[in-house]
Amino acid sequence: MSTGIDPTSSWAASTPVQSAHLVLLRGFSSLKHLASHHLGAIGLSGQEVCLRAGGEAYHEGEAGDDVFIVLSGSATAIRQTPLGDLLGASFVRGDIAGEVSYLDGQPRCWSLRANEPTTLLRVPGARLHELVRGEPGMALELLRTFWASLAAKVRSAYRVMNEIMAPGQHVAPRQRSGDGAQIGLSEGTKLLALRTLGFSGAELGLLATQLVAQRYEADTVIFSEGEPGDRLFVVLEGQVRISRRIPSLGEEALAILRRGDVFGEMALVDEKPRSADAIAHGDGCALLAITRVDLARAAASDPASMLGFFALMGQILCRRLRSMTEQLVAWRIMTGFG
């Protein structure tokens, strides 16, 4: 398979080019969570890859954990199906690609194909691992950066779902049922839930005393697609149904969450509206909420204690994105879309 890489400039690594990288990277909002010296280390570790139109930086099913940043041009995530190519997320200047395989170590689930002559900064995964080893501050910044880029890709997958299932149609948001009833939980129960989320260190005890648990009765709308969100939820008991309503088709359940599962995390990092409905399923549920303010306070007090949490968020979004990819392929075949 031809990658479409221009062999005359794909691995430029001279000092002037690397200096230009740093200027570009500092202007990308996608990298705003990285301190200047950490961003510099990443820029100096990268090499340019120049793709002609139709060329691929990587192909679905390949092994690889390198991360790519678009310096110029544009690209599209492509997934092959029996009905032809399925178009996924679009990538423009400043966007990040390849972080899914970097985080979870699994093969690429999409191909990255250039729409036009495109220049990427390719940062070797092995080098990224070296940079963050023993540097909890940089590791936290990088994980937060990837959390935001993964959330953007999940939102893009939802848009593709709309295009497949109900192109050009929209539904009114559900009416949220309001907050659940506050319930008392022992500090030990909260500590266990927080440890499951990857929290550690001194912040555990502080969070356990501050966080509030709530119970939602069956079929209560915890939040609805399109509304603002400032917190994520941990399922302590019962089940939660994550779904979207498709015009002319009704409710499409995307996942049934159980004890220990997390949801609502995307709005926490990108401050965008909820991308789906969350509804108390079965006999209802008990949830623990963690707000944006809670996370900011914990990160400011003890950054190292947040590493496990941010790593877990990345893994959750990787699993969600891979699952949605397979759902999109199935829906594409079912509907004959495109």
C-alpha atoms as a PDB file:
ATOM      1  CA  MET A   1       0.000   0.000   0.000  1.00  0.00           C
ATOM      2  CA  SER A   2       1.358   3.426  -0.911  1.00  0.00           C
ATOM      3  CA  THR A   3       1.262   5.809   2.014  1.00  0.00           C
ATOM      4  CA  GLY A   4       1.385   8.933  -0.131  1.00  0.00           C
ATOM      5  CA  ILE A   5       4.321  10.270   1.903  1.00  0.00           C
ATOM      6  CA  ASP A   6       6.556  12.692   0.030  1.00  0.00           C
ATOM      7  CA  PRO A   7      10.008  11.104   0.474  1.00  0.00           C
ATOM      8  CA  THR A   8      11.813  14.407  -0.101  1.00  0.00           C
ATOM      9  CA  SER A   9      10.424  16.084   3.012  1.00  0.00           C
ATOM     10  CA  SER A  10       8.713  13.510   5.189  1.00  0.00           C
ATOM     11  CA  TRP A  11      11.442  13.293   7.809  1.00  0.00           C
ATOM     12  CA  ALA A  12      12.799  16.834   7.941  1.00  0.00           C
ATOM     13  CA  ALA A  13      14.459  17.275  11.339  1.00  0.00           C
ATOM     14  CA  SER A  14      16.871  20.200  11.056  1.00  0.00           C
ATOM     15  CA  THR A  15      17.093  22.753  13.832  1.00  0.00           C
ATOM     16  CA  PRO A  16      15.386  25.549  11.826  1.00  0.00           C
ATOM     17  CA  VAL A  17      12.399  23.291  11.105  1.00  0.00           C
ATOM     18  CA  GLN A  18      12.152  22.268  14.764  1.00  0.00           C
ATOM     19  CA  SER A  19      12.226  25.901  15.831  1.00  0.00           C
ATOM     20  CA  ALA A  20       9.365  26.573  13.436  1.00  0.00           C
ATOM     21  CA  HIS A  21       7.503  23.673  15.035  1.00  0.00           C
ATOM     22  CA  LEU A  22       7.624  25.377  18.415  1.00  0.00           C
ATOM     23  CA  VAL A  23       6.180  28.603  17.047  1.00  0.00           C
ATOM     24  CA  LEU A  24       3.318  26.706  15.423  1.00  0.00           C
ATOM     25  CA  LEU A  25       2.576  24.478  18.411  1.00  0.00           C
ATOM     26  CA  ARG A  26       2.355  27.394  20.822  1.00  0.00           C
ATOM     27  CA  GLY A  27      -0.464  28.831  18.717  1.00  0.00           C
ATOM     28  CA  PHE A  28      -2.634  25.686  18.757  1.00  0.00           C
ATOM     29  CA  SER A  29      -5.537  25.779  21.238  1.00  0.00           C
ATOM     30  CA  SER A  30      -5.549  21.962  21.278  1.00  0.00           C
ATOM     31  CA  LEU A  31      -2.223  22.111  23.137  1.00  0.00           C
ATOM     32  CA  LYS A  32      -3.134  24.864  25.597  1.00  0.00           C
ATOM     33  CA  HIS A  33      -2.867  22.553  28.620  1.00  0.00           C
ATOM     34  CA  LEU A  34       0.851  21.936  28.001  1.00  0.00           C
ATOM     35  CA  ALA A  35       3.426  24.171  29.666  1.00  0.00           C
ATOM     36  CA  SER A  36       5.763  25.956  27.257  1.00  0.00           C
ATOM     37  CA  HIS A  37       8.848  23.896  28.152  1.00  0.00           C
ATOM     38  CA  HIS A  38       6.887  20.633  27.875  1.00  0.00           C
ATOM     39  CA  LEU A  39       5.520  21.713  24.515  1.00  0.00           C
ATOM     40  CA  GLY A  40       9.058  22.509  23.453  1.00  0.00           C
ATOM     41  CA  ALA A  41      10.228  19.021  24.375  1.00  0.00           C
ATOM     42  CA  ILE A  42       7.452  17.505  22.268  1.00  0.00           C
ATOM     43  CA  GLY A  43       8.190  19.786  19.328  1.00  0.00           C
ATOM     44  CA  LEU A  44      11.889  18.939  19.379  1.00  0.00           C
ATOM     45  CA  SER A  45      11.032  15.211  19.443  1.00  0.00           C
ATOM     46  CA  GLY A  46       8.860  15.363  16.325  1.00  0.00           C
ATOM     47  CA  GLN A  47       9.563  14.995  12.641  1.00  0.00           C
ATOM     48  CA  GLU A  48       7.616  16.380   9.724  1.00  0.00           C
ATOM     49  CA  VAL A  49       5.599  14.024   7.552  1.00  0.00           C
ATOM     50  CA  CYS A  50       4.413  15.506   4.268  1.00  0.00           C
ATOM     51  CA  LEU A  51       1.450  13.792   2.609  1.00  0.00           C
ATOM     52  CA  ARG A  52       0.126  14.379  -0.862  1.00  0.00           C
ATOM     53  CA  ALA A  53      -3.649  14.366  -1.377  1.00  0.00           C
ATOM     54  CA  GLY A  54      -4.945  10.828  -0.751  1.00  0.00           C
ATOM     55  CA  GLY A  55      -1.852   9.782   1.190  1.00  0.00           C
ATOM     56  CA  GLU A  56      -2.209   8.085   4.563  1.00  0.00           C
ATOM     57  CA  ALA A  57      -0.285   8.711   7.768  1.00  0.00           C
ATOM     58  CA  TYR A  58      -1.485   5.347   9.055  1.00  0.00           C
ATOM     59  CA  HIS A  59      -3.965   2.665   8.015  1.00  0.00           C
ATOM     60  CA  GLU A  60      -6.717   0.972   9.993  1.00  0.00           C
ATOM     61  CA  GLY A  61      -5.592  -2.269  11.613  1.00  0.00           C
ATOM     62  CA  GLU A  62      -1.926  -1.259  11.735  1.00  0.00           C
ATOM     63  CA  ALA A  63       0.070  -1.383  14.934  1.00  0.00           C
ATOM     64  CA  GLY A  64       1.574   1.908  16.001  1.00  0.00           C
ATOM     65  CA  ASP A  65       1.484   4.428  18.824  1.00  0.00           C
ATOM     66  CA  ASP A  66       2.932   7.552  17.215  1.00  0.00           C
ATOM     67  CA  VAL A  67       0.912  10.733  17.713  1.00  0.00           C
ATOM     68  CA  PHE A  68       0.358  13.243  14.901  1.00  0.00           C
ATOM     69  CA  ILE A  69      -0.386  16.979  14.994  1.00  0.00           C
ATOM     70  CA  VAL A  70      -1.646  18.699  11.831  1.00  0.00           C
ATOM     71  CA  LEU A  71       0.662  21.590  10.968  1.00  0.00           C
ATOM     72  CA  SER A  72      -1.001  22.519   7.668  1.00  0.00           C
ATOM     73  CA  GLY A  73      -3.592  21.138   5.288  1.00  0.00           C
ATOM     74  CA  SER A  74      -6.392  18.784   6.323  1.00  0.00           C
ATOM     75  CA  ALA A  75      -7.170  15.090   6.657  1.00  0.00           C
ATOM     76  CA  THR A  76     -10.083  12.752   7.334  1.00  0.00           C
ATOM     77  CA  ALA A  77     -10.464   9.581   9.371  1.00  0.00           C
ATOM     78  CA  ILE A  78     -11.494   6.781   7.008  1.00  0.00           C
ATOM     79  CA  ARG A  79     -12.943   3.371   7.864  1.00  0.00           C
ATOM     80  CA  GLN A  80     -13.452   0.749   5.168  1.00  0.00           C
ATOM     81  CA  THR A  81     -16.823  -1.031   5.013  1.00  0.00           C
ATOM     82  CA  PRO A  82     -18.397  -3.460   2.509  1.00  0.00           C
ATOM     83  CA  LEU A  83     -20.299  -0.440   1.154  1.00  0.00           C
ATOM     84  CA  GLY A  84     -17.214   1.712   0.679  1.00  0.00           C
ATOM     85  CA  ASP A  85     -15.347   4.191   2.819  1.00  0.00           C
ATOM     86  CA  LEU A  86     -17.028   5.624   5.914  1.00  0.00           C
ATOM     87  CA  LEU A  87     -15.885   9.185   6.602  1.00  0.00           C
ATOM     88  CA  GLY A  88     -15.231   9.988  10.239  1.00  0.00           C
ATOM     89  CA  ALA A  89     -13.634  12.921  12.033  1.00  0.00           C
ATOM     90  CA  SER A  90     -12.102  15.778  10.079  1.00  0.00           C
ATOM     91  CA  PHE A  91      -8.656  17.078  11.030  1.00  0.00           C
ATOM     92  CA  VAL A  92      -7.427  20.601  10.388  1.00  0.00           C
ATOM     93  CA  ARG A  93      -4.496  22.705  11.527  1.00  0.00           C
ATOM     94  CA  GLY A  94      -3.767  22.075  15.209  1.00  0.00           C
ATOM     95  CA  ASP A  95      -5.773  18.849  15.539  1.00  0.00           C
ATOM     96  CA  ILE A  96      -4.321  15.719  17.151  1.00  0.00           C
ATOM     97  CA  ALA A  97      -4.513  12.208  15.665  1.00  0.00           C
ATOM     98  CA  GLY A  98      -3.258   8.807  16.718  1.00  0.00           C
ATOM     99  CA  GLU A  99      -3.615   9.297  20.477  1.00  0.00           C
ATOM    100  CA  VAL A 100      -6.100   6.414  20.811  1.00  0.00           C
ATOM    101  CA  SER A 101      -3.480   3.784  19.984  1.00  0.00           C
ATOM    102  CA  TYR A 102      -0.879   5.649  22.047  1.00  0.00           C
ATOM    103  CA  LEU A 103      -3.118   5.416  25.113  1.00  0.00           C
ATOM    104  CA  ASP A 104      -4.556   1.904  24.759  1.00  0.00           C
ATOM    105  CA  GLY A 105      -1.834   0.132  22.763  1.00  0.00           C
ATOM    106  CA  GLN A 106      -4.314  -1.363  20.302  1.00  0.00           C
ATOM    107  CA  PRO A 107      -4.173  -1.199  16.472  1.00  0.00           C
ATOM    108  CA  ARG A 108      -5.440   1.826  14.600  1.00  0.00           C
ATOM    109  CA  CYS A 109      -9.243   1.782  14.273  1.00  0.00           C
ATOM    110  CA  TRP A 110      -9.330   4.362  11.436  1.00  0.00           C
ATOM    111  CA  SER A 111      -7.013   5.377   8.623  1.00  0.00           C
ATOM    112  CA  LEU A 112      -5.823   8.991   8.509  1.00  0.00           C
ATOM    113  CA  ARG A 113      -5.985  10.217   4.893  1.00  0.00           C
ATOM    114  CA  ALA A 114      -4.946  13.636   3.592  1.00  0.00           C
ATOM    115  CA  ASN A 115      -7.596  15.659   1.741  1.00  0.00           C
ATOM    116  CA  GLU A 116      -4.933  17.901   0.180  1.00  0.00           C
ATOM    117  CA  PRO A 117      -1.180  18.348   0.514  1.00  0.00           C
ATOM    118  CA  THR A 118      -0.815  18.113   4.300  1.00  0.00           C
ATOM    119  CA  THR A 119       2.055  18.421   6.729  1.00  0.00           C
ATOM    120  CA  LEU A 120       1.964  16.573  10.050  1.00  0.00           C
ATOM    121  CA  LEU A 121       4.267  16.571  13.040  1.00  0.00           C
ATOM    122  CA  ARG A 122       4.888  12.944  13.924  1.00  0.00           C
ATOM    123  CA  VAL A 123       5.853  12.419  17.567  1.00  0.00           C
ATOM    124  CA  PRO A 124       7.069   8.855  18.280  1.00  0.00           C
ATOM    125  CA  GLY A 125       5.017   7.179  20.973  1.00  0.00           C
ATOM    126  CA  ALA A 126       8.133   5.735  22.578  1.00  0.00           C
ATOM    127  CA  ARG A 127       9.596   9.220  22.900  1.00  0.00           C
ATOM    128  CA  LEU A 128       6.411  10.552  24.511  1.00  0.00           C
ATOM    129  CA  HIS A 129       6.548   7.758  27.074  1.00  0.00           C
ATOM    130  CA  GLU A 130      10.168   8.697  27.834  1.00  0.00           C
ATOM    131  CA  LEU A 131       9.285  12.368  28.273  1.00  0.00           C
ATOM    132  CA  VAL A 132       6.506  11.767  30.804  1.00  0.00           C
ATOM    133  CA  ARG A 133       8.344   9.080  32.773  1.00  0.00           C
ATOM    134  CA  GLY A 134       9.160  10.614  36.135  1.00  0.00           C
ATOM    135  CA  GLU A 135       7.474  13.899  35.149  1.00  0.00           C
ATOM    136  CA  PRO A 136       3.969  13.819  36.707  1.00  0.00           C
ATOM    137  CA  GLY A 137       3.297  17.430  35.751  1.00  0.00           C
ATOM    138  CA  MET A 138       3.909  16.790  32.058  1.00  0.00           C
ATOM    139  CA  ALA A 139       2.075  13.463  32.192  1.00  0.00           C
ATOM    140  CA  LEU A 140      -0.983  15.202  33.639  1.00  0.00           C
ATOM    141  CA  GLU A 141      -0.888  17.952  31.007  1.00  0.00           C
ATOM    142  CA  LEU A 142      -0.578  15.422  28.194  1.00  0.00           C
ATOM    143  CA  LEU A 143      -3.415  13.257  29.514  1.00  0.00           C
ATOM    144  CA  ARG A 144      -5.649  16.302  29.872  1.00  0.00           C
ATOM    145  CA  THR A 145      -4.777  17.293  26.292  1.00  0.00           C
ATOM    146  CA  PHE A 146      -5.678  13.823  25.015  1.00  0.00           C
ATOM    147  CA  TRP A 147      -8.881  13.785  27.097  1.00  0.00           C
ATOM    148  CA  ALA A 148     -10.028  16.884  25.197  1.00  0.00           C
ATOM    149  CA  SER A 149      -9.014  15.542  21.771  1.00  0.00           C
ATOM    150  CA  LEU A 150     -10.751  12.215  22.417  1.00  0.00           C
ATOM    151  CA  ALA A 151     -13.922  13.994  23.528  1.00  0.00           C
ATOM    152  CA  ALA A 152     -13.901  15.893  20.230  1.00  0.00           C
ATOM    153  CA  LYS A 153     -13.637  12.619  18.304  1.00  0.00           C
ATOM    154  CA  VAL A 154     -16.535  11.048  20.226  1.00  0.00           C
ATOM    155  CA  ARG A 155     -18.657  14.110  19.453  1.00  0.00           C
ATOM    156  CA  SER A 156     -17.680  13.773  15.801  1.00  0.00           C
ATOM    157  CA  ALA A 157     -18.816  10.135  15.874  1.00  0.00           C
ATOM    158  CA  TYR A 158     -22.202  11.273  17.181  1.00  0.00           C
ATOM    159  CA  ARG A 159     -22.482  13.695  14.256  1.00  0.00           C
ATOM    160  CA  VAL A 160     -21.658  10.888  11.820  1.00  0.00           C
ATOM    161  CA  MET A 161     -24.362   8.784  13.498  1.00  0.00           C
ATOM    162  CA  ASN A 162     -26.883  11.552  12.856  1.00  0.00           C
ATOM    163  CA  GLU A 163     -25.851  11.741   9.208  1.00  0.00           C
ATOM    164  CA  ILE A 164     -26.295   8.000   8.816  1.00  0.00           C
ATOM    165  CA  MET A 165     -29.529   7.522  10.749  1.00  0.00           C
ATOM    166  CA  ALA A 166     -31.413  10.794  10.253  1.00  0.00           C
ATOM    167  CA  PRO A 167     -29.666  13.228   7.888  1.00  0.00           C
ATOM    168  CA  GLY A 168     -30.824  16.800   8.296  1.00  0.00           C
ATOM    169  CA  GLN A 169     -33.274  15.982  11.102  1.00  0.00           C
ATOM    170  CA  HIS A 170     -33.268  17.114  14.719  1.00  0.00           C
ATOM    171  CA  VAL A 171     -35.290  16.358  17.834  1.00  0.00           C
ATOM    172  CA  ALA A 172     -36.216  18.617  20.733  1.00  0.00           C
ATOM    173  CA  PRO A 173     -34.254  17.919  23.924  1.00  0.00           C
ATOM    174  CA  ARG A 174     -35.793  15.826  26.662  1.00  0.00           C
ATOM    175  CA  GLN A 175     -37.082  17.582  29.731  1.00  0.00           C
ATOM    176  CA  ARG A 176     -34.637  16.892  32.537  1.00  0.00           C
ATOM    177  CA  SER A 177     -36.260  15.505  35.668  1.00  0.00           C
ATOM    178  CA  GLY A 178     -34.161  17.562  38.084  1.00  0.00           C
ATOM    179  CA  ASP A 179     -31.590  16.570  40.672  1.00  0.00           C
ATOM    180  CA  GLY A 180     -31.889  13.269  42.455  1.00  0.00           C
ATOM    181  CA  ALA A 181     -32.577  12.874  46.152  1.00  0.00           C
ATOM    182  CA  GLN A 182     -29.488  13.310  48.279  1.00  0.00           C
ATOM    183  CA  ILE A 183     -28.479  10.160  50.134  1.00  0.00           C
ATOM    184  CA  GLY A 184     -26.023   9.551  52.919  1.00  0.00           C
ATOM    185  CA  LEU A 185     -22.943   7.453  52.187  1.00  0.00           C
ATOM    186  CA  SER A 186     -20.120   6.530  54.483  1.00  0.00           C
ATOM    187  CA  GLU A 187     -16.745   8.089  53.826  1.00  0.00           C
ATOM    188  CA  GLY A 188     -15.397   4.579  53.229  1.00  0.00           C
ATOM    189  CA  THR A 189     -17.860   3.977  50.384  1.00  0.00           C
ATOM    190  CA  LYS A 190     -16.873   7.252  48.755  1.00  0.00           C
ATOM    191  CA  LEU A 191     -13.178   6.483  49.179  1.00  0.00           C
ATOM    192  CA  LEU A 192     -13.639   3.141  47.438  1.00  0.00           C
ATOM    193  CA  ALA A 193     -15.419   4.812  44.510  1.00  0.00           C
ATOM    194  CA  LEU A 194     -12.683   7.455  44.208  1.00  0.00           C
ATOM    195  CA  ARG A 195      -9.915   4.857  44.280  1.00  0.00           C
ATOM    196  CA  THR A 196     -11.730   3.015  41.493  1.00  0.00           C
ATOM    197  CA  LEU A 197     -11.509   6.262  39.514  1.00  0.00           C
ATOM    198  CA  GLY A 198      -7.758   6.394  39.956  1.00  0.00           C
ATOM    199  CA  PHE A 199      -7.521   9.068  42.644  1.00  0.00           C
ATOM    200  CA  SER A 200      -4.745   8.731  45.184  1.00  0.00           C
ATOM    201  CA  GLY A 201      -2.915  10.776  47.793  1.00  0.00           C
ATOM    202  CA  ALA A 202      -4.150  13.402  50.193  1.00  0.00           C
ATOM    203  CA  GLU A 203      -6.978  14.552  47.939  1.00  0.00           C
ATOM    204  CA  LEU A 204      -8.866  11.312  48.505  1.00  0.00           C
ATOM    205  CA  GLY A 205      -9.987  12.219  52.011  1.00  0.00           C
ATOM    206  CA  LEU A 206     -10.884  15.797  51.092  1.00  0.00           C
ATOM    207  CA  LEU A 207     -12.978  14.746  48.096  1.00  0.00           C
ATOM    208  CA  ALA A 208     -14.717  12.027  50.097  1.00  0.00           C
ATOM    209  CA  THR A 209     -15.960  14.580  52.618  1.00  0.00           C
ATOM    210  CA  GLN A 210     -17.086  17.087  49.983  1.00  0.00           C
ATOM    211  CA  LEU A 211     -18.819  14.966  47.341  1.00  0.00           C
ATOM    212  CA  VAL A 212     -22.564  14.349  47.471  1.00  0.00           C
ATOM    213  CA  ALA A 213     -24.358  11.162  46.390  1.00  0.00           C
ATOM    214  CA  GLN A 214     -27.860  11.178  44.901  1.00  0.00           C
ATOM    215  CA  ARG A 215     -30.482   8.583  44.079  1.00  0.00           C
ATOM    216  CA  TYR A 216     -32.520   8.703  40.875  1.00  0.00           C
ATOM    217  CA  GLU A 217     -35.720   6.718  40.456  1.00  0.00           C
ATOM    218  CA  ALA A 218     -36.340   4.543  37.392  1.00  0.00           C
ATOM    219  CA  ASP A 219     -36.628   6.460  34.084  1.00  0.00           C
ATOM    220  CA  THR A 220     -35.498   9.742  35.628  1.00  0.00           C
ATOM    221  CA  VAL A 221     -33.627  11.903  33.100  1.00  0.00           C
ATOM    222  CA  ILE A 222     -30.301  12.667  34.784  1.00  0.00           C
ATOM    223  CA  PHE A 223     -29.257  14.963  31.964  1.00  0.00           C
ATOM    224  CA  SER A 224     -30.359  15.426  28.376  1.00  0.00           C
ATOM    225  CA  GLU A 225     -28.542  15.930  25.097  1.00  0.00           C
ATOM    226  CA  GLY A 226     -27.784  19.575  24.393  1.00  0.00           C
ATOM    227  CA  GLU A 227     -27.845  20.888  27.950  1.00  0.00           C
ATOM    228  CA  PRO A 228     -24.724  22.341  29.587  1.00  0.00           C
ATOM    229  CA  GLY A 229     -22.771  20.138  31.967  1.00  0.00           C
ATOM    230  CA  ASP A 230     -20.220  20.777  34.687  1.00  0.00           C
ATOM    231  CA  ARG A 231     -19.873  17.357  36.308  1.00  0.00           C
ATOM    232  CA  LEU A 232     -19.255  13.695  35.695  1.00  0.00           C
ATOM    233  CA  PHE A 233     -21.010  10.851  37.492  1.00  0.00           C
ATOM    234  CA  VAL A 234     -19.908   7.542  38.979  1.00  0.00           C
ATOM    235  CA  VAL A 235     -22.493   4.756  39.215  1.00  0.00           C
ATOM    236  CA  LEU A 236     -22.564   3.499  42.799  1.00  0.00           C
ATOM    237  CA  GLU A 237     -25.658   1.295  42.530  1.00  0.00           C
ATOM    238  CA  GLY A 238     -28.126   0.310  39.825  1.00  0.00           C
ATOM    239  CA  GLN A 239     -27.901   1.110  36.134  1.00  0.00           C
ATOM    240  CA  VAL A 240     -27.838   4.126  33.804  1.00  0.00           C
ATOM    241  CA  ARG A 241     -28.894   4.103  30.149  1.00  0.00           C
ATOM    242  CA  ILE A 242     -26.971   6.338  27.745  1.00  0.00           C
ATOM    243  CA  SER A 243     -29.048   6.965  24.653  1.00  0.00           C
ATOM    244  CA  ARG A 244     -29.892   9.332  21.833  1.00  0.00           C
ATOM    245  CA  ARG A 245     -33.225   9.943  20.194  1.00  0.00           C
ATOM    246  CA  ILE A 246     -33.196   9.470  16.429  1.00  0.00           C
ATOM    247  CA  PRO A 247     -35.948  11.223  14.409  1.00  0.00           C
ATOM    248  CA  SER A 248     -38.490   8.735  13.027  1.00  0.00           C
ATOM    249  CA  LEU A 249     -36.714   5.868  14.817  1.00  0.00           C
ATOM    250  CA  GLY A 250     -37.093   6.679  18.520  1.00  0.00           C
ATOM    251  CA  GLU A 251     -34.554   6.064  21.254  1.00  0.00           C
ATOM    252  CA  GLU A 252     -31.269   4.370  20.385  1.00  0.00           C
ATOM    253  CA  ALA A 253     -29.552   2.950  23.475  1.00  0.00           C
ATOM    254  CA  LEU A 254     -25.790   3.355  23.214  1.00  0.00           C
ATOM    255  CA  ALA A 255     -24.738   1.772  26.508  1.00  0.00           C
ATOM    256  CA  ILE A 256     -26.055   0.411  29.805  1.00  0.00           C
ATOM    257  CA  LEU A 257     -23.743   1.468  32.620  1.00  0.00           C
ATOM    258  CA  ARG A 258     -23.364  -0.372  35.923  1.00  0.00           C
ATOM    259  CA  ARG A 259     -21.591  -0.016  39.225  1.00  0.00           C
ATOM    260  CA  GLY A 260     -18.177   1.582  38.846  1.00  0.00           C
ATOM    261  CA  ASP A 261     -18.862   3.027  35.390  1.00  0.00           C
ATOM    262  CA  VAL A 262     -18.350   6.724  34.645  1.00  0.00           C
ATOM    263  CA  PHE A 263     -20.344   9.044  32.369  1.00  0.00           C
ATOM    264  CA  GLY A 264     -20.690  12.744  31.626  1.00  0.00           C
ATOM    265  CA  GLU A 265     -16.920  13.283  31.518  1.00  0.00           C
ATOM    266  CA  MET A 266     -16.747  14.943  28.085  1.00  0.00           C
ATOM    267  CA  ALA A 267     -18.604  18.114  29.084  1.00  0.00           C
ATOM    268  CA  LEU A 268     -16.212  18.403  32.005  1.00  0.00           C
ATOM    269  CA  VAL A 269     -13.135  18.812  29.833  1.00  0.00           C
ATOM    270  CA  ASP A 270     -14.403  20.633  26.736  1.00  0.00           C
ATOM    271  CA  GLU A 271     -17.237  22.645  28.333  1.00  0.00           C
ATOM    272  CA  LYS A 272     -19.567  21.781  25.456  1.00  0.00           C
ATOM    273  CA  PRO A 273     -23.216  20.633  25.752  1.00  0.00           C
ATOM    274  CA  ARG A 274     -24.098  17.071  26.650  1.00  0.00           C
ATOM    275  CA  SER A 275     -23.840  14.770  23.633  1.00  0.00           C
ATOM    276  CA  ALA A 276     -26.438  12.200  24.729  1.00  0.00           C
ATOM    277  CA  ASP A 277     -29.184  11.516  27.276  1.00  0.00           C
ATOM    278  CA  ALA A 278     -28.477   9.782  30.589  1.00  0.00           C
ATOM    279  CA  ILE A 279     -31.490   8.025  32.139  1.00  0.00           C
ATOM    280  CA  ALA A 280     -31.882   5.968  35.309  1.00  0.00           C
ATOM    281  CA  HIS A 281     -32.412   2.428  34.066  1.00  0.00           C
ATOM    282  CA  GLY A 282     -34.133  -0.612  35.546  1.00  0.00           C
ATOM    283  CA  ASP A 283     -34.861   0.004  39.221  1.00  0.00           C
ATOM    284  CA  GLY A 284     -33.031   3.338  39.327  1.00  0.00           C
ATOM    285  CA  CYS A 285     -29.526   4.231  40.423  1.00  0.00           C
ATOM    286  CA  ALA A 286     -27.333   5.950  43.006  1.00  0.00           C
ATOM    287  CA  LEU A 287     -24.644   8.277  41.664  1.00  0.00           C
ATOM    288  CA  LEU A 288     -21.654  10.207  42.939  1.00  0.00           C
ATOM    289  CA  ALA A 289     -21.052  13.525  41.136  1.00  0.00           C
ATOM    290  CA  ILE A 290     -17.662  15.190  40.660  1.00  0.00           C
ATOM    291  CA  THR A 291     -17.714  18.768  39.374  1.00  0.00           C
ATOM    292  CA  ARG A 292     -15.226  20.743  37.328  1.00  0.00           C
ATOM    293  CA  VAL A 293     -14.481  22.779  40.441  1.00  0.00           C
ATOM    294  CA  ASP A 294     -13.746  19.598  42.440  1.00  0.00           C
ATOM    295  CA  LEU A 295     -11.225  18.454  39.821  1.00  0.00           C
ATOM    296  CA  ALA A 296      -9.555  21.859  39.523  1.00  0.00           C
ATOM    297  CA  ARG A 297      -9.126  22.042  43.288  1.00  0.00           C
ATOM    298  CA  ALA A 298      -7.626  18.569  43.464  1.00  0.00           C
ATOM    299  CA  ALA A 299      -5.278  19.177  40.512  1.00  0.00           C
ATOM    300  CA  ALA A 300      -4.021  22.448  41.996  1.00  0.00           C
ATOM    301  CA  SER A 301      -3.407  20.871  45.406  1.00  0.00           C
ATOM    302  CA  ASP A 302      -1.747  17.596  44.378  1.00  0.00           C
ATOM    303  CA  PRO A 303      -1.255  17.063  40.606  1.00  0.00           C
ATOM    304  CA  ALA A 304       0.354  13.655  41.048  1.00  0.00           C
ATOM    305  CA  SER A 305      -2.784  12.360  42.765  1.00  0.00           C
ATOM    306  CA  MET A 306      -4.748  13.044  39.574  1.00  0.00           C
ATOM    307  CA  LEU A 307      -2.624  10.957  37.212  1.00  0.00           C
ATOM    308  CA  GLY A 308      -4.590   7.756  37.705  1.00  0.00           C
ATOM    309  CA  PHE A 309      -7.876   9.594  37.209  1.00  0.00           C
ATOM    310  CA  PHE A 310      -6.853  11.259  33.944  1.00  0.00           C
ATOM    311  CA  ALA A 311      -5.354   7.996  32.659  1.00  0.00           C
ATOM    312  CA  LEU A 312      -8.657   6.242  33.389  1.00  0.00           C
ATOM    313  CA  MET A 313     -10.631   8.966  31.589  1.00  0.00           C
ATOM    314  CA  GLY A 314      -8.440   8.442  28.558  1.00  0.00           C
ATOM    315  CA  GLN A 315      -9.032   4.683  28.612  1.00  0.00           C
ATOM    316  CA  ILE A 316     -12.792   5.188  28.979  1.00  0.00           C
ATOM    317  CA  LEU A 317     -12.921   7.495  25.971  1.00  0.00           C
ATOM    318  CA  CYS A 318     -10.714   5.156  23.920  1.00  0.00           C
ATOM    319  CA  ARG A 319     -13.099   2.266  24.607  1.00  0.00           C
ATOM    320  CA  ARG A 320     -16.090   4.455  23.829  1.00  0.00           C
ATOM    321  CA  LEU A 321     -14.612   5.643  20.553  1.00  0.00           C
ATOM    322  CA  ARG A 322     -13.696   2.131  19.436  1.00  0.00           C
ATOM    323  CA  SER A 323     -17.172   0.861  20.354  1.00  0.00           C
ATOM    324  CA  MET A 324     -18.846   3.720  18.490  1.00  0.00           C
ATOM    325  CA  THR A 325     -16.656   3.033  15.460  1.00  0.00           C
ATOM    326  CA  GLU A 326     -18.015  -0.516  15.234  1.00  0.00           C
ATOM    327  CA  GLN A 327     -21.565   0.787  15.742  1.00  0.00           C
ATOM    328  CA  LEU A 328     -21.101   3.291  12.921  1.00  0.00           C
ATOM    329  CA  VAL A 329     -19.897   0.566  10.581  1.00  0.00           C
ATOM    330  CA  ALA A 330     -22.905  -1.598  11.508  1.00  0.00           C
ATOM    331  CA  TRP A 331     -25.334   1.293  10.995  1.00  0.00           C
ATOM    332  CA  ARG A 332     -23.697   2.133   7.672  1.00  0.00           C
ATOM    333  CA  ILE A 333     -24.258  -1.436   6.465  1.00  0.00           C
ATOM    334  CA  MET A 334     -27.789  -1.576   7.881  1.00  0.00           C
ATOM    335  CA  THR A 335     -28.939   1.665   6.248  1.00  0.00           C
ATOM    336  CA  GLY A 336     -26.849   1.564   3.093  1.00  0.00           C
ATOM    337  CA  PHE A 337     -25.788   5.125   3.925  1.00  0.00           C
ATOM    338  CA  GLY A 338     -23.631   6.905   1.370  1.00  0.00           C
END
